[in-house]
Amino acid sequence: METLSLEDFIDDKPWGDDVPFLEDIPGENLVAGVRIQRLVTRGDERGDLTVLMSSLLEPVTPPPHVYLVSAAVGSIRAWVYHKRQFDRLAYTNGDIRVVLYDLRKDSPTYQKMNVLDVGAANKILLTIPPYVVHGVQNRGKSIATFVNMPTNVYDPKNPDKSRLRFDHPGIPYKFE
């Protein structure tokens, strides 16, 4: 066997372009406090890499709890909101519809709705503030997944999640 040392490894070269790996998508019609960032995928013959979150360019609250969600074909996960946390959802595959609805009476976007189609064709990091109602539907033909990196840890003894059935008539959106 050949002797190997750490000096045999070659350091990576810096990325030779100015393409950011998280890029804000301006949204003048977004629900107040919602942030959308485009996720940039870099690839080569081995596959690809997509940065989901980074503090390289700005401070980021570290995620104390990270989890992967799978969504069966046609499944609907709605409606929910959180009182104490921001959801930071990274969508990188599948064909997922995300609906946001603002029921915060003191919000400048009260009763505003955003409908976003995300996944493989539109990779984003979506930050949803507390009290913004949201739901997702897998509109694709295969299982889709997404990653949540919320700002608070999930506490099973005191869950920060409030739910309402997906077809509630009080929300003016119908999943189909």
C-alpha atoms as a PDB file:
ATOM      1  CA  MET A   1       0.000   0.000   0.000  1.00  0.00           C
ATOM      2  CA  GLU A   2       1.244   3.461  -0.925  1.00  0.00           C
ATOM      3  CA  THR A   3       1.929   5.831   1.957  1.00  0.00           C
ATOM      4  CA  LEU A   4      -0.485   8.755   2.051  1.00  0.00           C
ATOM      5  CA  SER A   5      -0.243  12.046   3.937  1.00  0.00           C
ATOM      6  CA  LEU A   6      -2.337  15.189   4.191  1.00  0.00           C
ATOM      7  CA  GLU A   7       0.187  16.957   1.931  1.00  0.00           C
ATOM      8  CA  ASP A   8      -0.938  14.698  -0.941  1.00  0.00           C
ATOM      9  CA  PHE A   9      -4.325  16.448  -1.074  1.00  0.00           C
ATOM     10  CA  ILE A  10      -4.882  19.454  -3.350  1.00  0.00           C
ATOM     11  CA  ASP A  11      -6.721  22.532  -2.043  1.00  0.00           C
ATOM     12  CA  ASP A  12      -9.906  23.567  -3.826  1.00  0.00           C
ATOM     13  CA  LYS A  13      -9.609  26.560  -6.108  1.00  0.00           C
ATOM     14  CA  PRO A  14     -11.821  29.580  -5.358  1.00  0.00           C
ATOM     15  CA  TRP A  15     -14.998  29.819  -7.348  1.00  0.00           C
ATOM     16  CA  GLY A  16     -14.007  31.871 -10.372  1.00  0.00           C
ATOM     17  CA  ASP A  17     -17.256  33.768 -10.805  1.00  0.00           C
ATOM     18  CA  ASP A  18     -19.389  36.293  -8.993  1.00  0.00           C
ATOM     19  CA  VAL A  19     -22.554  34.197  -8.982  1.00  0.00           C
ATOM     20  CA  PRO A  20     -24.026  34.346  -5.477  1.00  0.00           C
ATOM     21  CA  PHE A  21     -25.376  31.152  -3.996  1.00  0.00           C
ATOM     22  CA  LEU A  22     -28.253  32.939  -2.248  1.00  0.00           C
ATOM     23  CA  GLU A  23     -29.832  35.794  -4.144  1.00  0.00           C
ATOM     24  CA  ASP A  24     -32.780  37.856  -2.907  1.00  0.00           C
ATOM     25  CA  ILE A  25     -35.768  37.823  -5.218  1.00  0.00           C
ATOM     26  CA  PRO A  26     -37.468  41.202  -4.979  1.00  0.00           C
ATOM     27  CA  GLY A  27     -41.127  40.877  -4.134  1.00  0.00           C
ATOM     28  CA  GLU A  28     -43.113  44.066  -3.830  1.00  0.00           C
ATOM     29  CA  ASN A  29     -46.340  42.063  -3.597  1.00  0.00           C
ATOM     30  CA  LEU A  30     -45.154  39.667  -0.896  1.00  0.00           C
ATOM     31  CA  VAL A  31     -46.813  39.203   2.463  1.00  0.00           C
ATOM     32  CA  ALA A  32     -44.990  41.494   4.931  1.00  0.00           C
ATOM     33  CA  GLY A  33     -41.912  39.863   6.463  1.00  0.00           C
ATOM     34  CA  VAL A  34     -41.673  37.062   3.888  1.00  0.00           C
ATOM     35  CA  ARG A  35     -38.306  36.689   2.170  1.00  0.00           C
ATOM     36  CA  ILE A  36     -37.525  34.684  -0.949  1.00  0.00           C
ATOM     37  CA  GLN A  37     -33.974  33.857  -1.954  1.00  0.00           C
ATOM     38  CA  ARG A  38     -33.023  32.023  -5.137  1.00  0.00           C
ATOM     39  CA  LEU A  39     -30.870  28.969  -4.488  1.00  0.00           C
ATOM     40  CA  VAL A  40     -28.085  28.599  -7.035  1.00  0.00           C
ATOM     41  CA  THR A  41     -26.948  25.104  -7.981  1.00  0.00           C
ATOM     42  CA  ARG A  42     -23.395  24.467  -9.100  1.00  0.00           C
ATOM     43  CA  GLY A  43     -22.643  21.233 -10.883  1.00  0.00           C
ATOM     44  CA  ASP A  44     -20.005  19.201 -12.614  1.00  0.00           C
ATOM     45  CA  GLU A  45     -19.695  15.687 -13.996  1.00  0.00           C
ATOM     46  CA  ARG A  46     -20.077  14.211 -10.473  1.00  0.00           C
ATOM     47  CA  GLY A  47     -23.401  15.890  -9.717  1.00  0.00           C
ATOM     48  CA  ASP A  48     -24.338  19.176  -8.121  1.00  0.00           C
ATOM     49  CA  LEU A  49     -24.302  21.242  -4.937  1.00  0.00           C
ATOM     50  CA  THR A  50     -26.911  23.721  -3.704  1.00  0.00           C
ATOM     51  CA  VAL A  51     -26.203  25.929  -0.675  1.00  0.00           C
ATOM     52  CA  LEU A  52     -29.383  26.075   1.436  1.00  0.00           C
ATOM     53  CA  MET A  53     -28.252  28.663   3.994  1.00  0.00           C
ATOM     54  CA  SER A  54     -25.037  30.543   4.691  1.00  0.00           C
ATOM     55  CA  SER A  55     -23.718  33.338   6.890  1.00  0.00           C
ATOM     56  CA  LEU A  56     -20.981  34.176   4.361  1.00  0.00           C
ATOM     57  CA  LEU A  57     -22.636  37.413   3.226  1.00  0.00           C
ATOM     58  CA  GLU A  58     -24.858  38.355   6.185  1.00  0.00           C
ATOM     59  CA  PRO A  59     -25.545  37.174   9.733  1.00  0.00           C
ATOM     60  CA  VAL A  60     -27.938  34.247   9.986  1.00  0.00           C
ATOM     61  CA  THR A  61     -29.680  32.933  13.076  1.00  0.00           C
ATOM     62  CA  PRO A  62     -28.308  29.391  13.301  1.00  0.00           C
ATOM     63  CA  PRO A  63     -30.938  26.675  12.875  1.00  0.00           C
ATOM     64  CA  PRO A  64     -31.279  24.767  16.160  1.00  0.00           C
ATOM     65  CA  HIS A  65     -33.449  22.151  14.473  1.00  0.00           C
ATOM     66  CA  VAL A  66     -33.236  20.973  10.849  1.00  0.00           C
ATOM     67  CA  TYR A  67     -35.528  18.454   9.239  1.00  0.00           C
ATOM     68  CA  LEU A  68     -36.443  16.971   5.880  1.00  0.00           C
ATOM     69  CA  VAL A  69     -40.097  16.699   4.894  1.00  0.00           C
ATOM     70  CA  SER A  70     -41.359  14.346   2.217  1.00  0.00           C
ATOM     71  CA  ALA A  71     -44.628  15.027   0.452  1.00  0.00           C
ATOM     72  CA  ALA A  72     -46.486  12.218  -1.286  1.00  0.00           C
ATOM     73  CA  VAL A  73     -47.882  12.841  -4.763  1.00  0.00           C
ATOM     74  CA  GLY A  74     -50.951  15.085  -4.482  1.00  0.00           C
ATOM     75  CA  SER A  75     -50.579  15.530  -0.721  1.00  0.00           C
ATOM     76  CA  ILE A  76     -51.628  18.756   0.993  1.00  0.00           C
ATOM     77  CA  ARG A  77     -50.085  20.076   4.204  1.00  0.00           C
ATOM     78  CA  ALA A  78     -52.252  23.017   5.198  1.00  0.00           C
ATOM     79  CA  TRP A  79     -53.013  25.251   7.010  1.00  0.00           C
ATOM     80  CA  VAL A  80     -50.468  26.035   9.737  1.00  0.00           C
ATOM     81  CA  TYR A  81     -48.782  28.943  11.442  1.00  0.00           C
ATOM     82  CA  HIS A  82     -46.214  29.407  14.205  1.00  0.00           C
ATOM     83  CA  LYS A  83     -46.261  31.886  17.076  1.00  0.00           C
ATOM     84  CA  ARG A  84     -42.598  31.816  18.113  1.00  0.00           C
ATOM     85  CA  GLN A  85     -40.519  30.928  15.081  1.00  0.00           C
ATOM     86  CA  PHE A  86     -39.658  31.769  11.518  1.00  0.00           C
ATOM     87  CA  ASP A  87     -39.806  28.847   9.105  1.00  0.00           C
ATOM     88  CA  ARG A  88     -36.907  28.773   6.635  1.00  0.00           C
ATOM     89  CA  LEU A  89     -37.920  26.306   3.951  1.00  0.00           C
ATOM     90  CA  ALA A  90     -35.556  25.193   1.183  1.00  0.00           C
ATOM     91  CA  TYR A  91     -37.276  23.800  -1.893  1.00  0.00           C
ATOM     92  CA  THR A  92     -34.928  22.075  -4.357  1.00  0.00           C
ATOM     93  CA  ASN A  93     -36.865  19.244  -5.982  1.00  0.00           C
ATOM     94  CA  GLY A  94     -40.304  18.209  -7.075  1.00  0.00           C
ATOM     95  CA  ASP A  95     -43.187  20.460  -8.067  1.00  0.00           C
ATOM     96  CA  ILE A  96     -44.594  22.101  -4.944  1.00  0.00           C
ATOM     97  CA  ARG A  97     -47.136  24.863  -4.565  1.00  0.00           C
ATOM     98  CA  VAL A  98     -46.737  27.031  -1.454  1.00  0.00           C
ATOM     99  CA  VAL A  99     -49.572  29.316  -0.397  1.00  0.00           C
ATOM    100  CA  LEU A 100     -49.083  32.107   2.159  1.00  0.00           C
ATOM    101  CA  TYR A 101     -51.978  33.991   3.733  1.00  0.00           C
ATOM    102  CA  ASP A 102     -51.662  36.950   6.077  1.00  0.00           C
ATOM    103  CA  LEU A 103     -54.206  36.949   8.905  1.00  0.00           C
ATOM    104  CA  ARG A 104     -52.246  39.384  11.106  1.00  0.00           C
ATOM    105  CA  LYS A 105     -54.744  42.217  11.635  1.00  0.00           C
ATOM    106  CA  ASP A 106     -51.950  44.720  12.354  1.00  0.00           C
ATOM    107  CA  SER A 107     -50.034  43.803   9.178  1.00  0.00           C
ATOM    108  CA  PRO A 108     -49.841  46.144   6.153  1.00  0.00           C
ATOM    109  CA  THR A 109     -50.583  43.078   4.025  1.00  0.00           C
ATOM    110  CA  TYR A 110     -53.556  41.813   6.064  1.00  0.00           C
ATOM    111  CA  GLN A 111     -55.548  39.262   4.009  1.00  0.00           C
ATOM    112  CA  LYS A 112     -52.902  39.252   1.263  1.00  0.00           C
ATOM    113  CA  MET A 113     -52.180  35.908  -0.365  1.00  0.00           C
ATOM    114  CA  ASN A 114     -49.070  34.705  -2.198  1.00  0.00           C
ATOM    115  CA  VAL A 115     -49.031  31.564  -4.345  1.00  0.00           C
ATOM    116  CA  LEU A 116     -45.559  30.259  -5.218  1.00  0.00           C
ATOM    117  CA  ASP A 117     -44.635  27.323  -7.453  1.00  0.00           C
ATOM    118  CA  VAL A 118     -41.285  26.008  -6.277  1.00  0.00           C
ATOM    119  CA  GLY A 119     -39.057  22.958  -6.452  1.00  0.00           C
ATOM    120  CA  ALA A 120     -36.673  21.642  -9.111  1.00  0.00           C
ATOM    121  CA  ALA A 121     -37.608  24.350 -11.632  1.00  0.00           C
ATOM    122  CA  ASN A 122     -37.573  27.165  -9.062  1.00  0.00           C
ATOM    123  CA  LYS A 123     -35.162  26.454  -6.197  1.00  0.00           C
ATOM    124  CA  ILE A 124     -35.698  28.878  -3.321  1.00  0.00           C
ATOM    125  CA  LEU A 125     -35.181  29.489   0.362  1.00  0.00           C
ATOM    126  CA  LEU A 126     -38.479  30.832   1.724  1.00  0.00           C
ATOM    127  CA  THR A 127     -38.526  32.596   5.100  1.00  0.00           C
ATOM    128  CA  ILE A 128     -41.973  32.837   6.690  1.00  0.00           C
ATOM    129  CA  PRO A 129     -42.435  35.000   9.796  1.00  0.00           C
ATOM    130  CA  PRO A 130     -44.550  34.033  12.818  1.00  0.00           C
ATOM    131  CA  TYR A 131     -48.343  34.194  12.410  1.00  0.00           C
ATOM    132  CA  VAL A 132     -48.269  33.927   8.599  1.00  0.00           C
ATOM    133  CA  VAL A 133     -50.544  31.048   7.607  1.00  0.00           C
ATOM    134  CA  HIS A 134     -49.068  28.665   5.063  1.00  0.00           C
ATOM    135  CA  GLY A 135     -49.675  25.414   3.263  1.00  0.00           C
ATOM    136  CA  VAL A 136     -48.016  23.239   0.629  1.00  0.00           C
ATOM    137  CA  GLN A 137     -49.173  20.799  -2.006  1.00  0.00           C
ATOM    138  CA  ASN A 138     -47.104  18.349  -4.032  1.00  0.00           C
ATOM    139  CA  ARG A 139     -48.341  18.903  -7.586  1.00  0.00           C
ATOM    140  CA  GLY A 140     -45.765  16.603  -9.164  1.00  0.00           C
ATOM    141  CA  LYS A 141     -45.759  12.994 -10.261  1.00  0.00           C
ATOM    142  CA  SER A 142     -43.275  11.758  -7.648  1.00  0.00           C
ATOM    143  CA  ILE A 143     -42.470  12.269  -3.973  1.00  0.00           C
ATOM    144  CA  ALA A 144     -41.078  15.734  -3.305  1.00  0.00           C
ATOM    145  CA  THR A 145     -38.945  16.801  -0.372  1.00  0.00           C
ATOM    146  CA  PHE A 146     -38.017  20.060   1.277  1.00  0.00           C
ATOM    147  CA  VAL A 147     -35.854  21.078   4.214  1.00  0.00           C
ATOM    148  CA  ASN A 148     -36.965  23.264   7.119  1.00  0.00           C
ATOM    149  CA  MET A 149     -34.369  25.143   9.179  1.00  0.00           C
ATOM    150  CA  PRO A 150     -36.605  27.033  11.637  1.00  0.00           C
ATOM    151  CA  THR A 151     -35.289  29.588  14.106  1.00  0.00           C
ATOM    152  CA  ASN A 152     -36.497  27.595  17.131  1.00  0.00           C
ATOM    153  CA  VAL A 153     -36.163  23.979  18.141  1.00  0.00           C
ATOM    154  CA  TYR A 154     -39.294  21.859  18.004  1.00  0.00           C
ATOM    155  CA  ASP A 155     -40.510  21.097  21.527  1.00  0.00           C
ATOM    156  CA  PRO A 156     -42.853  18.067  21.510  1.00  0.00           C
ATOM    157  CA  LYS A 157     -44.134  19.042  24.978  1.00  0.00           C
ATOM    158  CA  ASN A 158     -44.993  22.582  23.825  1.00  0.00           C
ATOM    159  CA  PRO A 159     -45.374  22.530  20.027  1.00  0.00           C
ATOM    160  CA  ASP A 160     -45.348  25.854  18.224  1.00  0.00           C
ATOM    161  CA  LYS A 161     -47.778  24.897  15.501  1.00  0.00           C
ATOM    162  CA  SER A 162     -51.420  25.825  15.072  1.00  0.00           C
ATOM    163  CA  ARG A 163     -53.445  23.978  12.430  1.00  0.00           C
ATOM    164  CA  LEU A 164     -56.619  24.363  10.405  1.00  0.00           C
ATOM    165  CA  ARG A 165     -58.012  21.915   7.844  1.00  0.00           C
ATOM    166  CA  PHE A 166     -56.872  22.528   4.255  1.00  0.00           C
ATOM    167  CA  ASP A 167     -60.383  23.129   2.898  1.00  0.00           C
ATOM    168  CA  HIS A 168     -61.515  25.633   5.526  1.00  0.00           C
ATOM    169  CA  PRO A 169     -63.849  28.201   3.888  1.00  0.00           C
ATOM    170  CA  GLY A 170     -62.245  31.089   5.808  1.00  0.00           C
ATOM    171  CA  ILE A 171     -59.154  30.964   3.590  1.00  0.00           C
ATOM    172  CA  PRO A 172     -59.881  32.065   0.011  1.00  0.00           C
ATOM    173  CA  TYR A 173     -57.743  29.404  -1.678  1.00  0.00           C
ATOM    174  CA  LYS A 174     -58.708  25.952  -2.888  1.00  0.00           C
ATOM    175  CA  PHE A 175     -56.046  23.294  -3.362  1.00  0.00           C
ATOM    176  CA  GLU A 176     -56.751  21.245  -6.498  1.00  0.00           C
END
